[in-house]
Amino acid sequence: MITDDLYIVNYCHPNCVPLKNIMRLPKEEAFALAYEMAQQNKDTTAFYRFADFENYYPERLKTDELLYSQFVKIGGKATERHPLSFVLQGSEYLNVYYIEVQVWCDIGCGD
């Protein structure tokens, strides 16, 4: 793969703010926001995890901790314990559920 063609995508539903992570909120605020987003977007697949936030939240905490600890283990200098999510080269599957996407260029995205 030629690195000049690499890019990352942050998928964000139009009802959300790009480059935010619900897990960075205090727990009570996260649960309130998840409930609100699930109620406002009942027919949107992107919010199903918020409708079951009681189960999603602890699993997401474990996943974020794993990502954080592995990043630090290989020498990374993490500034946040809860990372933002990106998809390398985007995803046709996710494009179906998210109308707005932010494409972030890294190498070779023009001068």
PDB file of N, CA and C in Angstrom:
ATOM      1  N   MET A   1       0.842  -1.182   0.000  1.00  0.00           N
ATOM      2  CA  MET A   1       0.000   0.000   0.000  1.00  0.00           C
ATOM      3  C   MET A   1       0.885   1.242   0.000  1.00  0.00           C
ATOM      4  N   ILE A   2       0.561   2.175  -0.827  1.00  0.00           N
ATOM      5  CA  ILE A   2       1.313   3.424  -0.899  1.00  0.00           C
ATOM      6  C   ILE A   2       0.779   4.369   0.171  1.00  0.00           C
ATOM      7  N   THR A   3       1.645   4.871   1.028  1.00  0.00           N
ATOM      8  CA  THR A   3       1.202   5.709   2.144  1.00  0.00           C
ATOM      9  C   THR A   3       0.666   7.056   1.693  1.00  0.00           C
ATOM     10  N   ASP A   4       0.993   7.481   0.468  1.00  0.00           N
ATOM     11  CA  ASP A   4       0.467   8.763  -0.019  1.00  0.00           C
ATOM     12  C   ASP A   4      -1.054   8.731  -0.172  1.00  0.00           C
ATOM     13  N   ASP A   5      -1.634   7.547  -0.235  1.00  0.00           N
ATOM     14  CA  ASP A   5      -3.071   7.405  -0.437  1.00  0.00           C
ATOM     15  C   ASP A   5      -3.834   7.128   0.856  1.00  0.00           C
ATOM     16  N   LEU A   6      -3.162   7.166   2.006  1.00  0.00           N
ATOM     17  CA  LEU A   6      -3.820   6.857   3.267  1.00  0.00           C
ATOM     18  C   LEU A   6      -4.587   8.061   3.811  1.00  0.00           C
ATOM     19  N   TYR A   7      -5.748   7.778   4.355  1.00  0.00           N
ATOM     20  CA  TYR A   7      -6.532   8.800   5.043  1.00  0.00           C
ATOM     21  C   TYR A   7      -7.358   8.117   6.116  1.00  0.00           C
ATOM     22  N   ILE A   8      -7.811   8.892   7.079  1.00  0.00           N
ATOM     23  CA  ILE A   8      -8.675   8.356   8.130  1.00  0.00           C
ATOM     24  C   ILE A   8      -9.986   9.121   8.114  1.00  0.00           C
ATOM     25  N   VAL A   9     -11.047   8.433   8.542  1.00  0.00           N
ATOM     26  CA  VAL A   9     -12.385   9.021   8.540  1.00  0.00           C
ATOM     27  C   VAL A   9     -12.954   8.959   9.951  1.00  0.00           C
ATOM     28  N   ASN A  10     -13.514  10.077  10.396  1.00  0.00           N
ATOM     29  CA  ASN A  10     -14.259  10.128  11.651  1.00  0.00           C
ATOM     30  C   ASN A  10     -15.734  10.166  11.269  1.00  0.00           C
ATOM     31  N   TYR A  11     -16.457   9.088  11.582  1.00  0.00           N
ATOM     32  CA  TYR A  11     -17.881   9.025  11.264  1.00  0.00           C
ATOM     33  C   TYR A  11     -18.677   9.737  12.349  1.00  0.00           C
ATOM     34  N   CYS A  12     -19.575  10.599  11.928  1.00  0.00           N
ATOM     35  CA  CYS A  12     -20.368  11.380  12.868  1.00  0.00           C
ATOM     36  C   CYS A  12     -21.777  11.554  12.308  1.00  0.00           C
ATOM     37  N   HIS A  13     -22.758  11.146  13.079  1.00  0.00           N
ATOM     38  CA  HIS A  13     -24.151  11.334  12.682  1.00  0.00           C
ATOM     39  C   HIS A  13     -24.461  12.834  12.675  1.00  0.00           C
ATOM     40  N   PRO A  14     -25.341  13.307  11.794  1.00  0.00           N
ATOM     41  CA  PRO A  14     -25.659  14.737  11.738  1.00  0.00           C
ATOM     42  C   PRO A  14     -26.170  15.312  13.068  1.00  0.00           C
ATOM     43  N   ASN A  15     -26.718  14.480  13.953  1.00  0.00           N
ATOM     44  CA  ASN A  15     -27.212  14.963  15.242  1.00  0.00           C
ATOM     45  C   ASN A  15     -26.128  15.021  16.316  1.00  0.00           C
ATOM     46  N   CYS A  16     -24.906  14.773  15.929  1.00  0.00           N
ATOM     47  CA  CYS A  16     -23.786  14.777  16.883  1.00  0.00           C
ATOM     48  C   CYS A  16     -22.754  15.831  16.497  1.00  0.00           C
ATOM     49  N   VAL A  17     -21.818  16.016  17.390  1.00  0.00           N
ATOM     50  CA  VAL A  17     -20.712  16.938  17.140  1.00  0.00           C
ATOM     51  C   VAL A  17     -19.482  16.099  16.794  1.00  0.00           C
ATOM     52  N   PRO A  18     -18.823  16.378  15.667  1.00  0.00           N
ATOM     53  CA  PRO A  18     -17.644  15.599  15.298  1.00  0.00           C
ATOM     54  C   PRO A  18     -16.535  15.709  16.353  1.00  0.00           C
ATOM     55  N   LEU A  19     -15.727  14.684  16.406  1.00  0.00           N
ATOM     56  CA  LEU A  19     -14.533  14.639  17.251  1.00  0.00           C
ATOM     57  C   LEU A  19     -14.843  14.790  18.734  1.00  0.00           C
ATOM     58  N   LYS A  20     -15.932  14.179  19.157  1.00  0.00           N
ATOM     59  CA  LYS A  20     -16.304  14.119  20.574  1.00  0.00           C
ATOM     60  C   LYS A  20     -16.418  12.649  20.963  1.00  0.00           C
ATOM     61  N   ASN A  21     -16.250  12.363  22.254  1.00  0.00           N
ATOM     62  CA  ASN A  21     -16.346  11.000  22.751  1.00  0.00           C
ATOM     63  C   ASN A  21     -17.186  11.029  24.018  1.00  0.00           C
ATOM     64  N   ILE A  22     -18.313  10.348  24.005  1.00  0.00           N
ATOM     65  CA  ILE A  22     -19.238  10.344  25.138  1.00  0.00           C
ATOM     66  C   ILE A  22     -18.569   9.822  26.412  1.00  0.00           C
ATOM     67  N   MET A  23     -17.551   9.010  26.258  1.00  0.00           N
ATOM     68  CA  MET A  23     -16.877   8.424  27.411  1.00  0.00           C
ATOM     69  C   MET A  23     -16.009   9.442  28.159  1.00  0.00           C
ATOM     70  N   ARG A  24     -15.777  10.584  27.583  1.00  0.00           N
ATOM     71  CA  ARG A  24     -15.004  11.631  28.262  1.00  0.00           C
ATOM     72  C   ARG A  24     -15.865  12.452  29.224  1.00  0.00           C
ATOM     73  N   LEU A  25     -17.167  12.242  29.176  1.00  0.00           N
ATOM     74  CA  LEU A  25     -18.081  12.928  30.089  1.00  0.00           C
ATOM     75  C   LEU A  25     -18.126  12.201  31.430  1.00  0.00           C
ATOM     76  N   PRO A  26     -18.476  12.922  32.512  1.00  0.00           N
ATOM     77  CA  PRO A  26     -18.748  12.207  33.766  1.00  0.00           C
ATOM     78  C   PRO A  26     -19.864  11.184  33.523  1.00  0.00           C
ATOM     79  N   LYS A  27     -19.832  10.083  34.264  1.00  0.00           N
ATOM     80  CA  LYS A  27     -20.736   8.956  34.018  1.00  0.00           C
ATOM     81  C   LYS A  27     -22.203   9.384  33.945  1.00  0.00           C
ATOM     82  N   GLU A  28     -22.650  10.214  34.879  1.00  0.00           N
ATOM     83  CA  GLU A  28     -24.060  10.626  34.897  1.00  0.00           C
ATOM     84  C   GLU A  28     -24.412  11.414  33.649  1.00  0.00           C
ATOM     85  N   GLU A  29     -23.518  12.293  33.215  1.00  0.00           N
ATOM     86  CA  GLU A  29     -23.755  13.078  32.001  1.00  0.00           C
ATOM     87  C   GLU A  29     -23.759  12.174  30.774  1.00  0.00           C
ATOM     88  N   ALA A  30     -22.873  11.193  30.747  1.00  0.00           N
ATOM     89  CA  ALA A  30     -22.812  10.264  29.619  1.00  0.00           C
ATOM     90  C   ALA A  30     -24.122   9.487  29.495  1.00  0.00           C
ATOM     91  N   PHE A  31     -24.633   9.001  30.619  1.00  0.00           N
ATOM     92  CA  PHE A  31     -25.891   8.248  30.589  1.00  0.00           C
ATOM     93  C   PHE A  31     -27.056   9.145  30.158  1.00  0.00           C
ATOM     94  N   ALA A  32     -27.088  10.376  30.647  1.00  0.00           N
ATOM     95  CA  ALA A  32     -28.162  11.301  30.267  1.00  0.00           C
ATOM     96  C   ALA A  32     -28.104  11.615  28.773  1.00  0.00           C
ATOM     97  N   LEU A  33     -26.908  11.865  28.257  1.00  0.00           N
ATOM     98  CA  LEU A  33     -26.758  12.162  26.834  1.00  0.00           C
ATOM     99  C   LEU A  33     -27.105  10.940  25.983  1.00  0.00           C
ATOM    100  N   ALA A  34     -26.665   9.776  26.405  1.00  0.00           N
ATOM    101  CA  ALA A  34     -26.976   8.551  25.658  1.00  0.00           C
ATOM    102  C   ALA A  34     -28.487   8.345  25.583  1.00  0.00           C
ATOM    103  N   TYR A  35     -29.175   8.532  26.710  1.00  0.00           N
ATOM    104  CA  TYR A  35     -30.632   8.388  26.732  1.00  0.00           C
ATOM    105  C   TYR A  35     -31.276   9.395  25.777  1.00  0.00           C
ATOM    106  N   GLU A  36     -30.837  10.644  25.865  1.00  0.00           N
ATOM    107  CA  GLU A  36     -31.385  11.707  25.008  1.00  0.00           C
ATOM    108  C   GLU A  36     -31.163  11.381  23.530  1.00  0.00           C
ATOM    109  N   MET A  37     -29.952  10.965  23.166  1.00  0.00           N
ATOM    110  CA  MET A  37     -29.649  10.664  21.765  1.00  0.00           C
ATOM    111  C   MET A  37     -30.434   9.441  21.281  1.00  0.00           C
ATOM    112  N   ALA A  38     -30.582   8.441  22.133  1.00  0.00           N
ATOM    113  CA  ALA A  38     -31.354   7.253  21.753  1.00  0.00           C
ATOM    114  C   ALA A  38     -32.820   7.614  21.525  1.00  0.00           C
ATOM    115  N   GLN A  39     -33.380   8.486  22.364  1.00  0.00           N
ATOM    116  CA  GLN A  39     -34.775   8.897  22.222  1.00  0.00           C
ATOM    117  C   GLN A  39     -34.986   9.744  20.963  1.00  0.00           C
ATOM    118  N   GLN A  40     -34.037  10.607  20.663  1.00  0.00           N
ATOM    119  CA  GLN A  40     -34.155  11.490  19.502  1.00  0.00           C
ATOM    120  C   GLN A  40     -33.922  10.771  18.175  1.00  0.00           C
ATOM    121  N   ASN A  41     -33.279   9.620  18.234  1.00  0.00           N
ATOM    122  CA  ASN A  41     -32.859   8.932  17.008  1.00  0.00           C
ATOM    123  C   ASN A  41     -33.265   7.464  17.029  1.00  0.00           C
ATOM    124  N   LYS A  42     -34.507   7.195  17.361  1.00  0.00           N
ATOM    125  CA  LYS A  42     -34.973   5.810  17.522  1.00  0.00           C
ATOM    126  C   LYS A  42     -34.841   4.965  16.266  1.00  0.00           C
ATOM    127  N   ASP A  43     -34.926   5.570  15.107  1.00  0.00           N
ATOM    128  CA  ASP A  43     -34.864   4.815  13.858  1.00  0.00           C
ATOM    129  C   ASP A  43     -33.476   4.826  13.230  1.00  0.00           C
ATOM    130  N   THR A  44     -32.479   5.225  13.999  1.00  0.00           N
ATOM    131  CA  THR A  44     -31.129   5.360  13.462  1.00  0.00           C
ATOM    132  C   THR A  44     -30.211   4.298  14.045  1.00  0.00           C
ATOM    133  N   THR A  45     -29.697   3.439  13.219  1.00  0.00           N
ATOM    134  CA  THR A  45     -28.823   2.349  13.657  1.00  0.00           C
ATOM    135  C   THR A  45     -27.625   2.862  14.441  1.00  0.00           C
ATOM    136  N   ALA A  46     -27.129   4.026  14.112  1.00  0.00           N
ATOM    137  CA  ALA A  46     -25.940   4.565  14.769  1.00  0.00           C
ATOM    138  C   ALA A  46     -26.129   4.750  16.273  1.00  0.00           C
ATOM    139  N   PHE A  47     -27.363   4.792  16.758  1.00  0.00           N
ATOM    140  CA  PHE A  47     -27.617   5.052  18.176  1.00  0.00           C
ATOM    141  C   PHE A  47     -28.141   3.844  18.948  1.00  0.00           C
ATOM    142  N   TYR A  48     -28.171   2.673  18.333  1.00  0.00           N
ATOM    143  CA  TYR A  48     -28.650   1.478  19.036  1.00  0.00           C
ATOM    144  C   TYR A  48     -27.848   1.211  20.304  1.00  0.00           C
ATOM    145  N   ARG A  49     -26.548   1.455  20.254  1.00  0.00           N
ATOM    146  CA  ARG A  49     -25.713   1.205  21.438  1.00  0.00           C
ATOM    147  C   ARG A  49     -26.112   2.115  22.595  1.00  0.00           C
ATOM    148  N   PHE A  50     -26.633   3.297  22.307  1.00  0.00           N
ATOM    149  CA  PHE A  50     -27.048   4.212  23.366  1.00  0.00           C
ATOM    150  C   PHE A  50     -28.373   3.774  23.988  1.00  0.00           C
ATOM    151  N   ALA A  51     -29.194   3.087  23.227  1.00  0.00           N
ATOM    152  CA  ALA A  51     -30.460   2.588  23.763  1.00  0.00           C
ATOM    153  C   ALA A  51     -30.224   1.493  24.810  1.00  0.00           C
ATOM    154  N   ASP A  52     -29.064   0.864  24.742  1.00  0.00           N
ATOM    155  CA  ASP A  52     -28.676  -0.175  25.705  1.00  0.00           C
ATOM    156  C   ASP A  52     -27.386   0.261  26.416  1.00  0.00           C
ATOM    157  N   PHE A  53     -27.347   1.500  26.828  1.00  0.00           N
ATOM    158  CA  PHE A  53     -26.127   2.088  27.382  1.00  0.00           C
ATOM    159  C   PHE A  53     -25.696   1.405  28.678  1.00  0.00           C
ATOM    160  N   GLU A  54     -26.636   0.862  29.411  1.00  0.00           N
ATOM    161  CA  GLU A  54     -26.306   0.151  30.655  1.00  0.00           C
ATOM    162  C   GLU A  54     -25.331  -0.995  30.382  1.00  0.00           C
ATOM    163  N   ASN A  55     -25.495  -1.669  29.274  1.00  0.00           N
ATOM    164  CA  ASN A  55     -24.580  -2.745  28.883  1.00  0.00           C
ATOM    165  C   ASN A  55     -23.409  -2.236  28.048  1.00  0.00           C
ATOM    166  N   TYR A  56     -23.653  -1.241  27.214  1.00  0.00           N
ATOM    167  CA  TYR A  56     -22.609  -0.699  26.344  1.00  0.00           C
ATOM    168  C   TYR A  56     -21.506  -0.008  27.140  1.00  0.00           C
ATOM    169  N   TYR A  57     -21.886   0.776  28.137  1.00  0.00           N
ATOM    170  CA  TYR A  57     -20.936   1.602  28.884  1.00  0.00           C
ATOM    171  C   TYR A  57     -19.791   0.788  29.501  1.00  0.00           C
ATOM    172  N   PRO A  58     -20.056  -0.274  30.274  1.00  0.00           N
ATOM    173  CA  PRO A  58     -18.932  -1.011  30.860  1.00  0.00           C
ATOM    174  C   PRO A  58     -18.045  -1.694  29.819  1.00  0.00           C
ATOM    175  N   GLU A  59     -18.646  -2.148  28.725  1.00  0.00           N
ATOM    176  CA  GLU A  59     -17.846  -2.768  27.667  1.00  0.00           C
ATOM    177  C   GLU A  59     -16.961  -1.728  26.982  1.00  0.00           C
ATOM    178  N   ARG A  60     -17.521  -0.565  26.776  1.00  0.00           N
ATOM    179  CA  ARG A  60     -16.748   0.515  26.162  1.00  0.00           C
ATOM    180  C   ARG A  60     -15.612   0.955  27.081  1.00  0.00           C
ATOM    181  N   LEU A  61     -15.854   1.006  28.399  1.00  0.00           N
ATOM    182  CA  LEU A  61     -14.786   1.336  29.345  1.00  0.00           C
ATOM    183  C   LEU A  61     -13.637   0.338  29.231  1.00  0.00           C
ATOM    184  N   LYS A  62     -13.967  -0.944  29.159  1.00  0.00           N
ATOM    185  CA  LYS A  62     -12.936  -1.984  29.031  1.00  0.00           C
ATOM    186  C   LYS A  62     -12.152  -1.827  27.728  1.00  0.00           C
ATOM    187  N   THR A  63     -12.859  -1.557  26.658  1.00  0.00           N
ATOM    188  CA  THR A  63     -12.201  -1.397  25.362  1.00  0.00           C
ATOM    189  C   THR A  63     -11.278  -0.187  25.368  1.00  0.00           C
ATOM    190  N   ASP A  64     -11.755   0.934  25.895  1.00  0.00           N
ATOM    191  CA  ASP A  64     -10.931   2.136  25.954  1.00  0.00           C
ATOM    192  C   ASP A  64      -9.691   1.909  26.814  1.00  0.00           C
ATOM    193  N   GLU A  65      -9.845   1.208  27.929  1.00  0.00           N
ATOM    194  CA  GLU A  65      -8.700   0.925  28.801  1.00  0.00           C
ATOM    195  C   GLU A  65      -7.688   0.045  28.083  1.00  0.00           C
ATOM    196  N   LEU A  66      -8.160  -0.941  27.348  1.00  0.00           N
ATOM    197  CA  LEU A  66      -7.264  -1.804  26.583  1.00  0.00           C
ATOM    198  C   LEU A  66      -6.495  -0.994  25.541  1.00  0.00           C
ATOM    199  N   LEU A  67      -7.195  -0.173  24.791  1.00  0.00           N
ATOM    200  CA  LEU A  67      -6.535   0.665  23.784  1.00  0.00           C
ATOM    201  C   LEU A  67      -5.501   1.587  24.422  1.00  0.00           C
ATOM    202  N   TYR A  68      -5.878   2.220  25.526  1.00  0.00           N
ATOM    203  CA  TYR A  68      -4.981   3.132  26.222  1.00  0.00           C
ATOM    204  C   TYR A  68      -3.740   2.395  26.712  1.00  0.00           C
ATOM    205  N   SER A  69      -3.937   1.277  27.404  1.00  0.00           N
ATOM    206  CA  SER A  69      -2.803   0.562  27.989  1.00  0.00           C
ATOM    207  C   SER A  69      -1.870   0.004  26.912  1.00  0.00           C
ATOM    208  N   GLN A  70      -2.424  -0.489  25.820  1.00  0.00           N
ATOM    209  CA  GLN A  70      -1.580  -1.010  24.746  1.00  0.00           C
ATOM    210  C   GLN A  70      -0.800   0.107  24.056  1.00  0.00           C
ATOM    211  N   PHE A  71      -1.424   1.249  23.874  1.00  0.00           N
ATOM    212  CA  PHE A  71      -0.749   2.403  23.267  1.00  0.00           C
ATOM    213  C   PHE A  71       0.421   2.849  24.135  1.00  0.00           C
ATOM    214  N   VAL A  72       0.194   2.947  25.429  1.00  0.00           N
ATOM    215  CA  VAL A  72       1.254   3.343  26.362  1.00  0.00           C
ATOM    216  C   VAL A  72       2.345   2.278  26.400  1.00  0.00           C
ATOM    217  N   LYS A  73       1.955   1.028  26.354  1.00  0.00           N
ATOM    218  CA  LYS A  73       2.904  -0.089  26.405  1.00  0.00           C
ATOM    219  C   LYS A  73       3.901  -0.046  25.245  1.00  0.00           C
ATOM    220  N   ILE A  74       3.449   0.397  24.081  1.00  0.00           N
ATOM    221  CA  ILE A  74       4.365   0.452  22.925  1.00  0.00           C
ATOM    222  C   ILE A  74       5.076   1.802  22.826  1.00  0.00           C
ATOM    223  N   GLY A  75       4.948   2.612  23.877  1.00  0.00           N
ATOM    224  CA  GLY A  75       5.690   3.869  23.927  1.00  0.00           C
ATOM    225  C   GLY A  75       4.898   5.112  23.594  1.00  0.00           C
ATOM    226  N   GLY A  76       3.609   4.978  23.376  1.00  0.00           N
ATOM    227  CA  GLY A  76       2.785   6.145  23.062  1.00  0.00           C
ATOM    228  C   GLY A  76       2.622   7.055  24.262  1.00  0.00           C
ATOM    229  N   LYS A  77       2.464   8.315  23.992  1.00  0.00           N
ATOM    230  CA  LYS A  77       2.255   9.324  25.036  1.00  0.00           C
ATOM    231  C   LYS A  77       0.806   9.795  24.949  1.00  0.00           C
ATOM    232  N   ALA A  78      -0.076   9.064  25.580  1.00  0.00           N
ATOM    233  CA  ALA A  78      -1.509   9.365  25.512  1.00  0.00           C
ATOM    234  C   ALA A  78      -1.846  10.601  26.325  1.00  0.00           C
ATOM    235  N   THR A  79      -2.672  11.459  25.758  1.00  0.00           N
ATOM    236  CA  THR A  79      -3.146  12.638  26.486  1.00  0.00           C
ATOM    237  C   THR A  79      -4.585  12.456  26.957  1.00  0.00           C
ATOM    238  N   GLU A  80      -5.266  11.453  26.435  1.00  0.00           N
ATOM    239  CA  GLU A  80      -6.651  11.144  26.808  1.00  0.00           C
ATOM    240  C   GLU A  80      -6.776   9.653  27.074  1.00  0.00           C
ATOM    241  N   ARG A  81      -7.608   9.291  28.032  1.00  0.00           N
ATOM    242  CA  ARG A  81      -7.827   7.872  28.318  1.00  0.00           C
ATOM    243  C   ARG A  81      -8.890   7.266  27.401  1.00  0.00           C
ATOM    244  N   HIS A  82      -9.682   8.108  26.765  1.00  0.00           N
ATOM    245  CA  HIS A  82     -10.743   7.640  25.878  1.00  0.00           C
ATOM    246  C   HIS A  82     -10.491   8.187  24.480  1.00  0.00           C
ATOM    247  N   PRO A  83     -10.047   7.327  23.563  1.00  0.00           N
ATOM    248  CA  PRO A  83      -9.654   7.791  22.228  1.00  0.00           C
ATOM    249  C   PRO A  83     -10.845   8.159  21.350  1.00  0.00           C
ATOM    250  N   LEU A  84     -10.560   8.922  20.333  1.00  0.00           N
ATOM    251  CA  LEU A  84     -11.538   9.179  19.284  1.00  0.00           C
ATOM    252  C   LEU A  84     -11.461   8.016  18.302  1.00  0.00           C
ATOM    253  N   SER A  85     -12.547   7.763  17.620  1.00  0.00           N
ATOM    254  CA  SER A  85     -12.590   6.636  16.690  1.00  0.00           C
ATOM    255  C   SER A  85     -12.451   7.114  15.259  1.00  0.00           C
ATOM    256  N   PHE A  86     -11.604   6.442  14.537  1.00  0.00           N
ATOM    257  CA  PHE A  86     -11.393   6.708  13.116  1.00  0.00           C
ATOM    258  C   PHE A  86     -11.350   5.378  12.384  1.00  0.00           C
ATOM    259  N   VAL A  87     -11.595   5.427  11.087  1.00  0.00           N
ATOM    260  CA  VAL A  87     -11.523   4.243  10.247  1.00  0.00           C
ATOM    261  C   VAL A  87     -10.528   4.542   9.124  1.00  0.00           C
ATOM    262  N   LEU A  88      -9.499   3.712   9.019  1.00  0.00           N
ATOM    263  CA  LEU A  88      -8.505   3.868   7.964  1.00  0.00           C
ATOM    264  C   LEU A  88      -9.151   3.570   6.623  1.00  0.00           C
ATOM    265  N   GLN A  89      -9.059   4.519   5.714  1.00  0.00           N
ATOM    266  CA  GLN A  89      -9.595   4.406   4.358  1.00  0.00           C
ATOM    267  C   GLN A  89     -11.130   4.389   4.306  1.00  0.00           C
ATOM    268  N   GLY A  90     -11.807   4.640   5.410  1.00  0.00           N
ATOM    269  CA  GLY A  90     -13.266   4.678   5.419  1.00  0.00           C
ATOM    270  C   GLY A  90     -13.885   3.292   5.329  1.00  0.00           C
ATOM    271  N   SER A  91     -15.217   3.245   5.282  1.00  0.00           N
ATOM    272  CA  SER A  91     -15.945   1.975   5.279  1.00  0.00           C
ATOM    273  C   SER A  91     -17.253   2.122   4.503  1.00  0.00           C
ATOM    274  N   GLU A  92     -17.434   1.306   3.489  1.00  0.00           N
ATOM    275  CA  GLU A  92     -18.688   1.323   2.735  1.00  0.00           C
ATOM    276  C   GLU A  92     -19.865   0.978   3.654  1.00  0.00           C
ATOM    277  N   TYR A  93     -19.647   0.045   4.585  1.00  0.00           N
ATOM    278  CA  TYR A  93     -20.688  -0.346   5.528  1.00  0.00           C
ATOM    279  C   TYR A  93     -21.127   0.844   6.374  1.00  0.00           C
ATOM    280  N   LEU A  94     -20.180   1.570   6.942  1.00  0.00           N
ATOM    281  CA  LEU A  94     -20.512   2.710   7.792  1.00  0.00           C
ATOM    282  C   LEU A  94     -21.081   3.879   6.997  1.00  0.00           C
ATOM    283  N   ASN A  95     -20.713   3.991   5.742  1.00  0.00           N
ATOM    284  CA  ASN A  95     -21.238   5.067   4.904  1.00  0.00           C
ATOM    285  C   ASN A  95     -22.761   5.008   4.795  1.00  0.00           C
ATOM    286  N   VAL A  96     -23.338   3.828   4.964  1.00  0.00           N
ATOM    287  CA  VAL A  96     -24.794   3.653   4.895  1.00  0.00           C
ATOM    288  C   VAL A  96     -25.470   4.329   6.091  1.00  0.00           C
ATOM    289  N   TYR A  97     -24.824   4.286   7.262  1.00  0.00           N
ATOM    290  CA  TYR A  97     -25.440   4.764   8.490  1.00  0.00           C
ATOM    291  C   TYR A  97     -25.097   6.197   8.856  1.00  0.00           C
ATOM    292  N   TYR A  98     -24.045   6.705   8.283  1.00  0.00           N
ATOM    293  CA  TYR A  98     -23.603   8.056   8.629  1.00  0.00           C
ATOM    294  C   TYR A  98     -23.619   8.927   7.380  1.00  0.00           C
ATOM    295  N   ILE A  99     -24.386  10.003   7.465  1.00  0.00           N
ATOM    296  CA  ILE A  99     -24.525  10.889   6.316  1.00  0.00           C
ATOM    297  C   ILE A  99     -23.316  11.814   6.192  1.00  0.00           C
ATOM    298  N   GLU A 100     -22.886  12.350   7.305  1.00  0.00           N
ATOM    299  CA  GLU A 100     -21.750  13.270   7.307  1.00  0.00           C
ATOM    300  C   GLU A 100     -20.508  12.558   7.806  1.00  0.00           C
ATOM    301  N   VAL A 101     -19.412  12.739   7.105  1.00  0.00           N
ATOM    302  CA  VAL A 101     -18.150  12.178   7.562  1.00  0.00           C
ATOM    303  C   VAL A 101     -17.072  13.249   7.474  1.00  0.00           C
ATOM    304  N   GLN A 102     -16.101  13.134   8.335  1.00  0.00           N
ATOM    305  CA  GLN A 102     -14.939  14.014   8.288  1.00  0.00           C
ATOM    306  C   GLN A 102     -13.771  13.179   7.793  1.00  0.00           C
ATOM    307  N   VAL A 103     -13.174  13.556   6.686  1.00  0.00           N
ATOM    308  CA  VAL A 103     -12.001  12.870   6.175  1.00  0.00           C
ATOM    309  C   VAL A 103     -10.781  13.650   6.637  1.00  0.00           C
ATOM    310  N   TRP A 104      -9.876  12.942   7.270  1.00  0.00           N
ATOM    311  CA  TRP A 104      -8.663  13.561   7.800  1.00  0.00           C
ATOM    312  C   TRP A 104      -7.480  13.050   7.007  1.00  0.00           C
ATOM    313  N   CYS A 105      -6.780  13.974   6.416  1.00  0.00           N
ATOM    314  CA  CYS A 105      -5.629  13.612   5.599  1.00  0.00           C
ATOM    315  C   CYS A 105      -4.396  13.493   6.474  1.00  0.00           C
ATOM    316  N   ASP A 106      -3.535  12.622   6.093  1.00  0.00           N
ATOM    317  CA  ASP A 106      -2.265  12.481   6.781  1.00  0.00           C
ATOM    318  C   ASP A 106      -1.167  12.708   5.760  1.00  0.00           C
ATOM    319  N   ILE A 107      -0.747  11.664   5.098  1.00  0.00           N
ATOM    320  CA  ILE A 107       0.349  11.757   4.147  1.00  0.00           C
ATOM    321  C   ILE A 107      -0.221  11.906   2.746  1.00  0.00           C
ATOM    322  N   GLY A 108       0.311  12.843   1.996  1.00  0.00           N
ATOM    323  CA  GLY A 108      -0.027  12.943   0.593  1.00  0.00           C
ATOM    324  C   GLY A 108      -1.384  13.506   0.278  1.00  0.00           C
ATOM    325  N   CYS A 109      -1.927  14.357   1.135  1.00  0.00           N
ATOM    326  CA  CYS A 109      -3.267  14.915   0.875  1.00  0.00           C
ATOM    327  C   CYS A 109      -3.209  16.281   0.224  1.00  0.00           C
ATOM    328  N   GLY A 110      -2.181  16.543  -0.441  1.00  0.00           N
ATOM    329  CA  GLY A 110      -2.077  17.819  -1.143  1.00  0.00           C
ATOM    330  C   GLY A 110      -1.285  18.839  -0.364  1.00  0.00           C
ATOM    331  N   ASP A 111      -0.870  19.831  -1.031  1.00  0.00           N
ATOM    332  CA  ASP A 111      -0.061  20.894  -0.395  1.00  0.00           C
ATOM    333  C   ASP A 111      -0.857  22.162  -0.218  1.00  0.00           C
TER     334      ASP A 111
END
